[in-house]
Amino acid sequence: QVQLVESGGGLVQAGGSLRLSCAASGRTFNNYAMGWFRQAPGKEREFVAAIIWSGGSTDYADSVKGRFTISRDNAKNTVYLQMNTLKPEDTAVYYCAGGREYYIGYNLRLYTNYDYWGQGTQVTVSS
């Protein structure tokens, strides 16, 4: 049984930083896609960033490119989202997502391409 457990959310002032962690268990993730999505109140869940576990290729939403960095630690089976220069519009519940084995053409930004989800962690950025 796959489990994804997020941590690291909290309250931060605009311009500050946070690092989210997603500890994965229950299977090996070689060549699988792992992603971060977020959902603000009254809005749809949106793609933030993704990484291919084995090769480390990454993808980012335009709204976070240059500010957020996704990475993984193979030894710890953990995916991270380093968030810098946070803005009030980054306020949301952030979800870690486990996808499927990557192939050419796999849409990393589509939430229906992810089968496993964490419980979510709240990130609040004050102005």
Foldseek 3Di string as FASTA:
>chain_A
DKAWAKDWADEEAAQAKIKMKIQIDDDQQQQWKKFKWWDDPPGDIWGAKMAGVHPGDMDGDPVQPPFWDWDDDRVRNMIMIIGGRDDQVVWTWMKMFTFGRDDPPDDSGDRVRTDDIHPTDTHGYHD
